[in-house]
N, C-alpha and C. Protein backbone atom coordinates (compact mmCIF):
# COMPACT_ATOMS: atom_id res chain seq x y z
N UNK A 1 -21.36 -14.42 8.76
CA UNK A 1 -21.27 -13.73 7.95
C UNK A 1 -19.66 -13.37 7.58
N UNK A 2 -18.89 -12.79 8.28
CA UNK A 2 -17.52 -12.66 8.21
C UNK A 2 -16.86 -13.44 7.71
N UNK A 3 -17.08 -14.60 8.14
CA UNK A 3 -15.74 -16.05 7.33
C UNK A 3 -16.27 -15.64 5.79
N UNK A 4 -17.63 -15.97 6.01
CA UNK A 4 -17.93 -16.41 4.46
C UNK A 4 -17.62 -15.00 3.86
N UNK A 5 -18.37 -14.21 4.29
CA UNK A 5 -17.83 -12.93 3.47
C UNK A 5 -16.07 -12.70 3.13
N UNK A 6 -15.77 -12.97 3.57
CA UNK A 6 -14.01 -12.91 3.51
C UNK A 6 -13.90 -13.70 2.67
N UNK A 7 -14.18 -15.41 2.71
CA UNK A 7 -13.98 -16.02 1.75
C UNK A 7 -14.17 -15.97 0.33
N UNK A 8 -15.82 -15.36 0.08
CA UNK A 8 -15.85 -14.60 -1.29
C UNK A 8 -15.25 -13.71 -1.60
N UNK A 9 -14.54 -13.05 -1.41
CA UNK A 9 -13.89 -11.85 -0.95
C UNK A 9 -12.57 -12.58 -2.07
N UNK A 10 -11.64 -13.26 -1.08
CA UNK A 10 -10.41 -13.97 -1.46
C UNK A 10 -10.90 -14.29 -2.60
N UNK A 11 -11.91 -15.28 -2.92
CA UNK A 11 -12.02 -16.13 -3.96
C UNK A 11 -12.42 -15.06 -5.07
N UNK A 12 -12.81 -13.57 -4.94
CA UNK A 12 -12.81 -12.81 -6.04
C UNK A 12 -11.41 -12.47 -6.69
N UNK A 13 -10.28 -12.35 -5.46
CA UNK A 13 -8.93 -11.87 -5.98
C UNK A 13 -8.07 -13.01 -6.46
N UNK A 14 -8.59 -14.10 -5.48
CA UNK A 14 -7.68 -15.20 -6.57
C UNK A 14 -8.26 -15.81 -8.07
N UNK A 15 -8.71 -15.08 -8.58
CA UNK A 15 -9.71 -15.53 -9.70
C UNK A 15 -9.10 -14.39 -11.02
N UNK A 16 -8.60 -13.26 -9.88
CA UNK A 16 -8.43 -11.93 -10.52
C UNK A 16 -8.47 -11.52 -11.75
N UNK A 17 -7.01 -12.53 -12.45
CA UNK A 17 -6.07 -12.93 -13.66
C UNK A 17 -7.80 -12.80 -14.62
N UNK A 18 -8.18 -14.36 -14.45
CA UNK A 18 -9.06 -14.99 -15.12
C UNK A 18 -10.44 -14.06 -15.41
N UNK A 19 -10.65 -13.61 -14.37
CA UNK A 19 -11.84 -12.71 -14.39
C UNK A 19 -11.40 -11.64 -15.29
N UNK A 20 -11.09 -10.98 -15.26
CA UNK A 20 -10.52 -9.49 -16.10
C UNK A 20 -11.01 -8.51 -14.53
N UNK A 21 -10.99 -7.22 -15.44
CA UNK A 21 -10.81 -5.97 -14.60
C UNK A 21 -12.99 -5.83 -14.17
N UNK A 22 -13.27 -5.34 -14.92
CA UNK A 22 -14.53 -5.38 -15.41
C UNK A 22 -15.34 -5.80 -14.58
N UNK A 23 -15.20 -7.41 -14.62
CA UNK A 23 -15.85 -8.52 -13.59
C UNK A 23 -15.15 -8.54 -12.30
N UNK A 24 -14.38 -8.31 -12.10
CA UNK A 24 -13.77 -8.25 -10.69
C UNK A 24 -14.25 -6.75 -10.09
N UNK A 25 -14.69 -5.36 -10.46
CA UNK A 25 -15.08 -4.68 -10.00
C UNK A 25 -16.11 -4.76 -9.65
N UNK A 26 -17.18 -5.54 -10.39
CA UNK A 26 -18.85 -6.23 -10.49
C UNK A 26 -18.44 -6.86 -9.27
N UNK A 27 -18.22 -7.66 -9.32
CA UNK A 27 -18.43 -8.44 -8.47
C UNK A 27 -18.18 -8.41 -6.73
N UNK A 28 -16.69 -7.63 -6.36
CA UNK A 28 -16.48 -6.82 -5.53
C UNK A 28 -17.41 -5.59 -4.92
N UNK A 29 -18.16 -5.22 -6.08
CA UNK A 29 -19.24 -4.27 -5.65
C UNK A 29 -20.27 -4.63 -4.73
N UNK A 30 -20.45 -5.78 -5.72
CA UNK A 30 -21.60 -6.45 -5.33
C UNK A 30 -21.05 -7.15 -3.59
N UNK A 31 -20.37 -7.80 -3.21
CA UNK A 31 -20.02 -8.12 -1.90
C UNK A 31 -19.93 -7.17 -0.94
N UNK A 32 -19.40 -6.08 -1.23
CA UNK A 32 -19.25 -4.52 -0.56
C UNK A 32 -21.00 -3.81 -0.24
N UNK A 33 -22.11 -4.27 -1.25
CA UNK A 33 -23.12 -4.06 -0.85
C UNK A 33 -23.88 -4.49 0.34
N UNK A 34 -23.62 -5.71 0.23
CA UNK A 34 -23.72 -6.60 1.11
C UNK A 34 -23.35 -5.66 2.43
N UNK A 35 -22.43 -5.41 2.88
CA UNK A 35 -21.53 -4.82 4.14
C UNK A 35 -21.90 -3.53 4.62
N UNK A 36 -22.49 -2.76 3.37
CA UNK A 36 -22.66 -0.84 3.11
C UNK A 36 -21.68 -0.44 2.92
N UNK A 37 -21.76 0.97 3.13
CA UNK A 37 -20.79 1.62 2.79
C UNK A 37 -19.70 2.53 3.96
N UNK A 38 -20.34 2.14 4.85
CA UNK A 38 -19.63 2.99 6.71
C UNK A 38 -18.85 1.76 6.70
N UNK A 39 -18.83 0.30 6.26
CA UNK A 39 -18.07 -0.83 7.09
C UNK A 39 -16.66 -0.53 6.68
N UNK A 40 -15.59 -0.39 7.10
CA UNK A 40 -14.30 -0.07 6.85
C UNK A 40 -14.08 -1.09 5.86
N UNK A 41 -14.14 -2.61 6.40
CA UNK A 41 -13.22 -3.70 5.18
C UNK A 41 -13.84 -3.90 3.83
N UNK A 42 -15.06 -3.61 4.20
CA UNK A 42 -16.38 -3.28 2.56
C UNK A 42 -15.82 -1.46 1.87
N UNK A 43 -15.09 -0.57 2.48
CA UNK A 43 -14.24 0.55 1.91
C UNK A 43 -13.49 0.38 1.03
N UNK A 44 -12.51 -0.85 1.93
CA UNK A 44 -10.80 -1.01 2.13
C UNK A 44 -10.98 -1.63 0.46
N UNK A 45 -12.36 -3.34 0.35
CA UNK A 45 -12.25 -3.54 -0.73
C UNK A 45 -12.98 -3.10 -2.11
N UNK A 46 -13.51 -2.12 -1.59
CA UNK A 46 -14.27 -1.22 -2.83
C UNK A 46 -12.78 -0.28 -3.38
N UNK A 47 -12.02 0.00 -2.21
CA UNK A 47 -10.84 1.22 -3.03
C UNK A 47 -9.89 0.18 -3.58
N UNK A 48 -9.68 -0.92 -2.94
CA UNK A 48 -8.46 -1.96 -3.93
C UNK A 48 -9.51 -2.41 -5.18
N UNK A 49 -10.36 -2.69 -4.81
CA UNK A 49 -10.72 -3.13 -6.53
C UNK A 49 -10.83 -1.28 -7.75
N UNK A 50 -11.11 -0.48 -7.30
CA UNK A 50 -10.98 0.64 -7.86
C UNK A 50 -9.18 0.57 -8.55
N UNK A 51 -8.66 0.97 -7.10
CA UNK A 51 -7.51 0.51 -7.60
C UNK A 51 -6.49 -0.51 -8.72
N UNK A 52 -7.29 -2.11 -8.46
CA UNK A 52 -7.08 -2.80 -9.38
C UNK A 52 -7.03 -2.44 -10.91
N UNK A 53 -8.36 -1.96 -11.15
CA UNK A 53 -8.87 -0.98 -12.16
C UNK A 53 -8.28 0.30 -12.62
N UNK A 54 -7.29 0.85 -12.13
CA UNK A 54 -6.73 1.74 -12.60
C UNK A 54 -7.50 3.19 -12.47
N UNK A 55 -8.85 3.26 -11.24
CA UNK A 55 -9.13 4.31 -11.01
C UNK A 55 -9.07 5.02 -9.64
N UNK A 56 -7.59 5.26 -9.71
CA UNK A 56 -7.02 5.69 -8.34
C UNK A 56 -7.65 6.56 -7.67
N UNK A 57 -8.27 7.82 -8.42
CA UNK A 57 -8.92 8.92 -7.76
C UNK A 57 -10.60 9.05 -6.98
N UNK A 58 -10.97 7.27 -7.78
CA UNK A 58 -12.00 6.82 -6.84
C UNK A 58 -11.39 5.79 -5.42
N UNK A 59 -10.19 5.51 -5.66
CA UNK A 59 -9.66 4.50 -4.61
C UNK A 59 -9.65 5.26 -3.45
N UNK A 60 -8.70 6.82 -3.66
CA UNK A 60 -8.25 7.25 -2.42
C UNK A 60 -9.14 7.53 -1.49
N UNK A 61 -10.17 8.25 -1.94
CA UNK A 61 -11.37 8.57 -0.85
C UNK A 61 -11.65 7.13 0.34
N UNK A 62 -11.83 6.14 -0.75
CA UNK A 62 -12.82 5.06 -0.08
C UNK A 62 -11.18 4.52 0.52
N UNK A 63 -10.20 4.41 0.43
CA UNK A 63 -9.05 3.91 0.96
C UNK A 63 -8.83 5.14 2.94
N UNK A 64 -9.34 6.09 2.40
CA UNK A 64 -9.21 6.94 3.62
C UNK A 64 -10.38 6.79 4.73
N UNK A 65 -11.55 6.61 3.89
CA UNK A 65 -12.86 5.91 4.90
C UNK A 65 -12.45 5.23 5.26
N UNK A 66 -11.97 3.95 4.68
CA UNK A 66 -11.67 2.24 5.42
C UNK A 66 -10.89 2.74 6.82
N UNK A 67 -9.82 3.30 7.00
CA UNK A 67 -9.02 3.77 7.85
C UNK A 67 -9.50 4.69 8.78
N UNK A 68 -10.71 6.05 8.41
CA UNK A 68 -11.36 6.36 9.31
C UNK A 68 -12.35 5.63 10.04
N UNK A 69 -12.77 4.65 9.70
CA UNK A 69 -13.68 3.15 10.25
C UNK A 69 -13.32 2.29 10.78
N UNK A 70 -12.02 2.62 11.25
CA UNK A 70 -11.36 1.73 12.09
C UNK A 70 -11.48 0.51 11.21
N UNK A 71 -10.78 0.15 10.55
CA UNK A 71 -9.74 -1.08 9.55
C UNK A 71 -8.99 -1.86 10.47
N UNK A 72 -9.46 -3.11 10.96
CA UNK A 72 -8.36 -3.79 11.61
C UNK A 72 -7.30 -4.26 10.74
N UNK A 73 -6.20 -4.72 11.70
CA UNK A 73 -4.81 -5.25 10.81
C UNK A 73 -5.15 -6.47 10.39
N UNK A 74 -4.50 -7.10 9.46
CA UNK A 74 -3.90 -6.31 8.60
C UNK A 74 -3.75 -5.88 7.37
N UNK A 75 -5.22 -5.62 7.43
CA UNK A 75 -6.38 -4.37 6.25
C UNK A 75 -5.40 -3.32 6.52
N UNK A 76 -5.30 -2.78 7.58
CA UNK A 76 -5.19 -1.69 8.22
C UNK A 76 -3.51 -1.10 7.45
N UNK A 77 -2.75 -1.64 7.73
CA UNK A 77 -1.09 -1.72 7.16
C UNK A 77 -1.30 -1.82 5.53
N UNK A 78 -2.37 -2.98 5.19
CA UNK A 78 -2.33 -2.40 3.46
C UNK A 78 -3.18 -1.46 2.90
N UNK A 79 -4.19 -0.84 3.80
CA UNK A 79 -4.56 0.34 3.04
C UNK A 79 -3.45 1.54 3.25
N UNK A 80 -2.68 1.54 4.42
CA UNK A 80 -1.90 2.69 3.92
C UNK A 80 -1.01 2.46 2.98
N UNK A 81 -0.73 1.54 3.05
CA UNK A 81 0.28 1.12 1.88
C UNK A 81 -0.27 1.52 -0.12
N UNK A 82 -1.61 0.83 0.07
CA UNK A 82 -2.00 0.78 -1.03
C UNK A 82 -2.76 2.74 -1.02
N UNK A 83 -3.10 2.98 -0.21
CA UNK A 83 -3.04 4.50 -0.17
C UNK A 83 -2.08 5.85 -0.88
N UNK A 84 -0.85 5.62 -0.27
CA UNK A 84 0.21 6.01 -0.26
C UNK A 84 1.02 5.62 -2.19
N UNK A 85 0.66 4.26 -2.53
CA UNK A 85 1.25 4.09 -4.33
C UNK A 85 -0.17 4.91 -4.82
N UNK A 86 -1.28 4.92 -4.64
CA UNK A 86 -2.32 5.53 -4.69
C UNK A 86 -1.82 7.22 -4.81
N UNK A 87 -1.96 7.68 -4.08
CA UNK A 87 -1.58 8.87 -4.36
C UNK A 87 -0.18 9.76 -4.55
N UNK A 88 0.84 8.96 -4.87
CA UNK A 88 2.19 8.83 -5.62
C UNK A 88 1.55 8.73 -7.27
N UNK A 89 0.66 8.00 -7.53
CA UNK A 89 0.20 7.48 -8.88
C UNK A 89 -0.70 9.31 -9.31
N UNK A 90 -1.12 9.93 -7.84
CA UNK A 90 -1.80 10.60 -8.62
C UNK A 90 -1.33 12.25 -8.23
N UNK A 91 0.02 11.93 -8.94
CA UNK A 91 0.94 12.72 -8.26
C UNK A 91 1.24 13.57 -6.86
N UNK A 92 0.32 12.77 -5.79
CA UNK A 92 1.09 13.48 -4.68
C UNK A 92 1.86 12.62 -3.79
N UNK A 93 2.87 13.05 -4.30
CA UNK A 93 4.40 12.30 -4.09
C UNK A 93 4.81 12.61 -2.58
N UNK A 94 4.44 13.56 -1.66
CA UNK A 94 4.56 14.21 -1.07
C UNK A 94 3.84 13.75 0.42
N UNK A 95 1.93 13.55 0.04
CA UNK A 95 1.26 13.00 0.63
C UNK A 95 1.48 11.75 0.95
N UNK A 96 2.02 10.91 0.25
CA UNK A 96 2.36 9.54 0.19
C UNK A 96 3.10 8.93 1.20
N UNK A 97 4.65 10.22 1.47
CA UNK A 97 5.64 10.00 1.96
C UNK A 97 5.29 10.28 3.53
N UNK A 98 4.55 11.33 3.66
CA UNK A 98 3.69 11.29 4.74
C UNK A 98 3.12 10.17 5.21
N UNK A 99 2.37 9.59 4.65
CA UNK A 99 1.12 8.98 5.28
C UNK A 99 2.11 7.41 6.14
N UNK A 100 3.13 7.59 5.16
CA UNK A 100 3.92 6.05 5.21
C UNK A 100 4.53 6.36 6.77
N UNK A 101 5.68 7.73 6.42
CA UNK A 101 6.25 8.00 7.50
C UNK A 101 5.44 7.86 8.77
N UNK A 102 4.51 8.31 8.93
CA UNK A 102 3.84 8.43 9.87
C UNK A 102 2.62 7.17 10.42
N UNK A 103 2.98 6.37 9.83
CA UNK A 103 2.39 5.16 9.75
C UNK A 103 3.20 4.19 10.72
N UNK A 104 4.08 4.28 10.83
CA UNK A 104 4.87 3.07 11.44
C UNK A 104 4.99 2.04 10.40
N UNK A 105 4.55 1.60 9.26
CA UNK A 105 4.77 0.61 8.86
C UNK A 105 6.16 0.37 7.86
N UNK A 106 6.63 1.49 7.98
CA UNK A 106 8.23 1.52 7.14
C UNK A 106 9.37 0.82 8.57
N UNK A 107 8.91 1.22 9.94
CA UNK A 107 9.10 0.50 10.54
C UNK A 107 10.51 -0.98 10.15
N UNK A 108 11.15 -1.24 10.63
CA UNK A 108 11.97 -2.84 10.48
C UNK A 108 11.49 -3.90 10.64
N UNK A 109 10.42 -3.56 12.16
CA UNK A 109 9.93 -4.28 13.01
C UNK A 109 8.39 -4.71 12.45
N UNK A 110 7.62 -3.56 11.58
CA UNK A 110 6.23 -4.26 11.08
C UNK A 110 6.60 -4.98 9.96
N UNK A 111 5.35 -6.26 10.26
CA UNK A 111 5.50 -6.79 8.91
C UNK A 111 5.18 -6.97 7.65
N UNK A 112 5.25 -5.87 7.56
CA UNK A 112 4.93 -5.26 5.71
C UNK A 112 5.95 -3.69 5.29
N UNK A 113 6.66 -3.90 6.44
CA UNK A 113 7.86 -2.96 6.25
C UNK A 113 8.81 -2.98 4.81
N UNK A 114 8.65 -4.22 4.37
CA UNK A 114 9.58 -4.35 3.09
C UNK A 114 8.96 -3.20 1.98
N UNK A 115 7.45 -3.79 1.79
CA UNK A 115 6.39 -3.36 0.69
C UNK A 115 6.82 -1.75 1.25
N UNK A 116 5.98 -1.41 2.59
CA UNK A 116 6.28 0.24 2.89
C UNK A 116 6.78 0.20 2.32
N UNK A 117 8.62 0.02 2.55
CA UNK A 117 9.71 0.71 2.24
C UNK A 117 9.88 1.15 0.38
N UNK A 118 9.23 0.29 -0.24
CA UNK A 118 9.70 -0.21 -1.39
C UNK A 118 8.82 1.29 -1.84
N UNK A 119 7.62 0.81 -1.77
CA UNK A 119 6.52 2.14 -1.52
C UNK A 119 7.45 3.69 -1.18
N UNK A 120 7.83 3.66 -0.05
CA UNK A 120 7.87 5.07 0.29
C UNK A 120 9.48 5.50 -0.79
N UNK A 121 10.36 4.17 -0.91
CA UNK A 121 11.05 4.81 -2.46
C UNK A 121 10.73 5.47 -3.06
N UNK A 122 9.89 4.84 -3.72
CA UNK A 122 9.25 5.08 -5.28
C UNK A 122 8.91 6.53 -4.48
N UNK A 123 7.95 7.07 -3.74
CA UNK A 123 7.25 8.06 -3.55
C UNK A 123 8.31 9.40 -3.54
N UNK A 124 9.72 9.00 -2.82
CA UNK A 124 10.71 9.90 -3.14
C UNK A 124 11.24 9.98 -4.13
N UNK A 125 11.38 9.17 -5.27
CA UNK A 125 11.76 9.30 -6.63
C UNK A 125 10.88 9.90 -7.29
N UNK A 126 9.62 10.01 -7.15
CA UNK A 126 8.32 10.33 -7.93
C UNK A 126 8.85 12.10 -7.09
N UNK A 127 9.03 12.18 -5.98
CA UNK A 127 9.07 13.63 -5.18
C UNK A 127 9.72 13.97 -5.60
N UNK A 128 11.28 13.77 -6.00
CA UNK A 128 11.83 14.22 -6.77
C UNK A 128 13.33 14.20 -5.81
N UNK A 129 13.34 13.30 -5.44
CA UNK A 129 14.42 12.90 -5.01
C UNK A 129 14.76 11.90 -4.40
N UNK A 130 15.84 11.29 -6.18
CA UNK A 130 15.71 9.63 -5.97
C UNK A 130 17.13 9.47 -5.45
N UNK A 131 18.29 10.26 -4.49
CA UNK A 131 19.20 9.73 -4.29
C UNK A 131 17.85 8.81 -2.45
N UNK A 132 16.96 9.61 -1.91
CA UNK A 132 16.64 9.79 -0.78
C UNK A 132 15.65 7.68 -0.98
N UNK A 133 15.37 8.17 -1.81
CA UNK A 133 14.76 6.33 -2.32
C UNK A 133 15.74 5.63 -2.89
N UNK A 134 16.57 6.02 -3.14
CA UNK A 134 17.66 4.40 -3.31
C UNK A 134 18.10 4.51 -1.91
N UNK A 135 18.23 5.45 -1.12
CA UNK A 135 18.91 5.40 0.33
C UNK A 135 18.09 4.46 1.16
N UNK A 136 16.36 4.47 0.86
CA UNK A 136 15.42 3.83 1.71
C UNK A 136 15.05 2.52 1.35
N UNK A 137 15.10 2.13 -0.01
CA UNK A 137 15.56 1.00 -0.95
C UNK A 137 16.98 0.46 -0.53
N UNK A 138 17.47 0.69 -0.38
CA UNK A 138 18.81 -0.06 0.37
C UNK A 138 19.03 -0.46 1.14
N UNK A 139 18.96 0.59 2.44
CA UNK A 139 18.37 0.39 3.78
C UNK A 139 17.45 -0.79 4.15
N UNK A 140 15.93 -0.99 3.47
CA UNK A 140 15.68 -1.82 3.46
C UNK A 140 15.90 -3.38 2.85
N UNK A 141 16.88 -3.47 1.78
CA UNK A 141 17.76 -4.65 1.51
C UNK A 141 18.24 -5.00 2.08
N UNK A 142 19.34 -4.25 3.00
CA UNK A 142 20.22 -5.01 3.57
C UNK A 142 19.75 -4.95 4.88
N UNK A 143 18.85 -5.03 5.79
CA UNK A 143 17.94 -5.71 6.53
C UNK A 143 17.73 -6.94 5.93
N UNK A 144 17.69 -7.58 5.26
CA UNK A 144 17.72 -8.57 4.07
C UNK A 144 18.97 -9.75 4.54
N UNK A 145 20.07 -8.73 4.56
CA UNK A 145 21.42 -9.68 4.18
C UNK A 145 21.91 -10.27 5.43
N UNK A 146 22.42 -11.26 5.04
CA UNK A 146 23.42 -11.48 6.28
C UNK A 146 24.52 -11.31 5.83
N UNK A 147 25.27 -11.04 4.72
CA UNK A 147 26.49 -10.83 4.65
C UNK A 147 26.48 -9.50 3.83
N UNK A 148 27.24 -8.33 3.88
CA UNK A 148 27.41 -7.40 3.35
C UNK A 148 26.67 -5.99 3.86
N UNK A 149 25.46 -6.28 4.52
CA UNK A 149 24.63 -5.56 5.62
C UNK A 149 25.51 -4.23 6.06
N UNK A 150 26.27 -4.31 6.42
CA UNK A 150 26.71 -2.97 6.68
C UNK A 150 27.32 -2.08 6.32
N UNK A 151 27.72 -3.18 5.22
CA UNK A 151 28.50 -2.06 3.96
C UNK A 151 27.06 -1.76 3.18
N UNK A 152 26.50 -2.44 2.55
CA UNK A 152 25.35 -1.44 1.79
C UNK A 152 24.42 -0.17 2.97
N UNK A 153 24.34 -0.56 4.12
CA UNK A 153 23.85 0.43 5.07
C UNK A 153 24.92 1.78 5.26
N UNK A 154 25.89 1.53 5.06
CA UNK A 154 26.98 2.85 4.79
C UNK A 154 27.26 3.42 3.32
N UNK A 155 26.51 2.59 2.01
CA UNK A 155 26.10 3.40 1.41
C UNK A 155 24.83 3.82 0.76
N UNK A 156 23.98 3.23 1.76
CA UNK A 156 22.99 4.42 1.80
C UNK A 156 22.85 5.50 2.53
N UNK A 157 23.31 4.97 3.50
CA UNK A 157 23.95 6.29 4.46
C UNK A 157 24.30 7.31 3.61
N UNK A 158 25.67 7.13 2.60
CA UNK A 158 26.28 8.10 1.95
C UNK A 158 25.48 8.95 1.17
N UNK A 159 24.31 7.83 0.42
CA UNK A 159 23.38 8.82 -0.63
C UNK A 159 22.65 9.95 -0.33
N UNK A 160 22.12 9.75 1.29
CA UNK A 160 21.27 10.72 1.77
C UNK A 160 22.49 12.13 2.47
N UNK A 161 23.88 12.02 2.37
CA UNK A 161 24.63 12.97 2.87
C UNK A 161 25.24 13.43 1.95
N UNK A 162 24.99 12.94 0.30
CA UNK A 162 25.92 13.55 -0.42
C UNK A 162 24.90 14.48 -1.37
N UNK A 163 24.78 15.59 -1.07
CA UNK A 163 23.57 16.90 -1.89
C UNK A 163 24.38 18.00 -2.38
């Protein structure tokens, strides 16, 4: 059931641009109903669909439910990042920052660190600390460079030391 269900979920997301928001939500909700509301993957997909259609207030508790139910990787990392983004959009930047920093997804060794740090930077900007947001973004970017990495790290450090 899992492989078939996953394939059907992937098919909905693959066609999302053509389906439109209402149809994506309807189809994902049909698939979620097959697994039940206590299923971690179902809660994650329900949350993602609500995020997709701009229903962040409904998405946040579903992300939390998915995480509490033991969502497996890589979905767990996606849920953490998406929850943080949702919280930032809901005006809860400090909670978004806390979740990202405590989760470990911002660690440069984590496969989702680039995305996590992008959202962490945005949360700091939304939370009133644009210099720290810029520094986080620059540190993440510097980690991908072969040239200028040392200089970009130094400039990013400068941003957070100048207050």
